[in-house]
Amino acid sequence: MLANNQTVDVTVNGGAAPITLTLRATDFANIAAASAAEVAAVIQRQTTALRAGVTPDQRLIIGSAVP
């Protein structure tokens, strides 16, 4: 379950400094029941180093956008 102002640190391609994503209640209809699409949208808004999407069975998928 997600919570307001929860952070997630992601290291992209072994980079020196992780990217910190901050999940805010205002980004979701209900952060406690956030959908994969809502989380993907937050990731897409916060960084260009990652690409986020949703699989056909509604699971979050994240990949590096950095070559």
C-alpha atoms as a PDB file:
ATOM      1  CA  MET A   1       0.000   0.000   0.000  1.00  0.00           C
ATOM      2  CA  LEU A   2       1.265   3.459  -0.853  1.00  0.00           C
ATOM      3  CA  ALA A   3       1.230   6.425   1.514  1.00  0.00           C
ATOM      4  CA  ASN A   4       1.443  10.189   1.092  1.00  0.00           C
ATOM      5  CA  ASN A   5       5.015  11.446   0.580  1.00  0.00           C
ATOM      6  CA  GLN A   6       6.380   7.920   0.297  1.00  0.00           C
ATOM      7  CA  THR A   7       9.640   7.870  -1.630  1.00  0.00           C
ATOM      8  CA  VAL A   8      11.186   5.250  -3.860  1.00  0.00           C
ATOM      9  CA  ASP A   9      14.855   5.383  -4.833  1.00  0.00           C
ATOM     10  CA  VAL A  10      15.728   3.895  -8.216  1.00  0.00           C
ATOM     11  CA  THR A  11      19.234   3.474  -9.587  1.00  0.00           C
ATOM     12  CA  VAL A  12      19.235   3.642 -13.379  1.00  0.00           C
ATOM     13  CA  ASN A  13      21.822   1.607 -15.279  1.00  0.00           C
ATOM     14  CA  GLY A  14      24.142   1.473 -12.272  1.00  0.00           C
ATOM     15  CA  GLY A  15      24.346   5.258 -12.020  1.00  0.00           C
ATOM     16  CA  ALA A  16      26.115   6.851  -9.097  1.00  0.00           C
ATOM     17  CA  ALA A  17      23.100   8.661  -7.661  1.00  0.00           C
ATOM     18  CA  PRO A  18      19.636   7.150  -7.421  1.00  0.00           C
ATOM     19  CA  ILE A  19      16.545   8.950  -8.655  1.00  0.00           C
ATOM     20  CA  THR A  20      14.100   9.641  -5.861  1.00  0.00           C
ATOM     21  CA  LEU A  21      10.440   9.424  -6.787  1.00  0.00           C
ATOM     22  CA  THR A  22       7.948  10.949  -4.352  1.00  0.00           C
ATOM     23  CA  LEU A  23       4.401   9.633  -4.279  1.00  0.00           C
ATOM     24  CA  ARG A  24       1.905  12.234  -3.107  1.00  0.00           C
ATOM     25  CA  ALA A  25      -1.750  11.730  -2.280  1.00  0.00           C
ATOM     26  CA  THR A  26      -2.653  14.528  -4.705  1.00  0.00           C
ATOM     27  CA  ASP A  27      -1.278  12.405  -7.585  1.00  0.00           C
ATOM     28  CA  PHE A  28      -3.911   9.695  -7.054  1.00  0.00           C
ATOM     29  CA  ALA A  29      -7.673   9.364  -6.774  1.00  0.00           C
ATOM     30  CA  ASN A  30      -6.979   7.255  -3.658  1.00  0.00           C
ATOM     31  CA  ILE A  31      -3.295   6.685  -2.885  1.00  0.00           C
ATOM     32  CA  ALA A  32      -4.105   3.642  -0.729  1.00  0.00           C
ATOM     33  CA  ALA A  33      -5.674   1.983  -3.768  1.00  0.00           C
ATOM     34  CA  ALA A  34      -3.433   3.442  -6.496  1.00  0.00           C
ATOM     35  CA  SER A  35      -3.668   1.833  -9.905  1.00  0.00           C
ATOM     36  CA  ALA A  36      -0.660   0.829 -11.953  1.00  0.00           C
ATOM     37  CA  ALA A  37      -1.621   3.490 -14.498  1.00  0.00           C
ATOM     38  CA  GLU A  38      -1.601   6.199 -11.835  1.00  0.00           C
ATOM     39  CA  VAL A  39       1.834   5.122 -10.562  1.00  0.00           C
ATOM     40  CA  ALA A  40       3.178   5.004 -14.127  1.00  0.00           C
ATOM     41  CA  ALA A  41       1.893   8.537 -14.739  1.00  0.00           C
ATOM     42  CA  VAL A  42       3.650   9.808 -11.600  1.00  0.00           C
ATOM     43  CA  ILE A  43       6.934   8.231 -12.709  1.00  0.00           C
ATOM     44  CA  GLN A  44       6.596   9.705 -16.208  1.00  0.00           C
ATOM     45  CA  ARG A  45       6.018  13.190 -14.743  1.00  0.00           C
ATOM     46  CA  GLN A  46       8.944  13.039 -12.314  1.00  0.00           C
ATOM     47  CA  THR A  47      11.806  11.763 -14.457  1.00  0.00           C
ATOM     48  CA  THR A  48      12.963  11.346 -18.024  1.00  0.00           C
ATOM     49  CA  ALA A  49      15.482   8.670 -17.015  1.00  0.00           C
ATOM     50  CA  LEU A  50      12.757   6.032 -16.677  1.00  0.00           C
ATOM     51  CA  ARG A  51       9.851   4.917 -18.794  1.00  0.00           C
ATOM     52  CA  ALA A  52       6.821   3.529 -17.053  1.00  0.00           C
ATOM     53  CA  GLY A  53       3.785   1.779 -18.432  1.00  0.00           C
ATOM     54  CA  VAL A  54       1.149  -0.791 -17.689  1.00  0.00           C
ATOM     55  CA  THR A  55       0.914  -4.342 -18.979  1.00  0.00           C
ATOM     56  CA  PRO A  56      -2.366  -5.717 -20.379  1.00  0.00           C
ATOM     57  CA  ASP A  57      -3.016  -7.387 -17.003  1.00  0.00           C
ATOM     58  CA  GLN A  58      -2.614  -4.015 -15.212  1.00  0.00           C
ATOM     59  CA  ARG A  59       0.876  -4.460 -13.773  1.00  0.00           C
ATOM     60  CA  LEU A  60       3.411  -1.639 -13.598  1.00  0.00           C
ATOM     61  CA  ILE A  61       6.430  -1.993 -15.862  1.00  0.00           C
ATOM     62  CA  ILE A  62       9.468   0.296 -15.557  1.00  0.00           C
ATOM     63  CA  GLY A  63      12.471   0.468 -17.843  1.00  0.00           C
ATOM     64  CA  SER A  64      15.474   2.664 -18.357  1.00  0.00           C
ATOM     65  CA  ALA A  65      15.163   5.515 -20.841  1.00  0.00           C
ATOM     66  CA  VAL A  66      18.920   6.079 -20.625  1.00  0.00           C
ATOM     67  CA  PRO A  67      20.984   4.360 -23.331  1.00  0.00           C
END
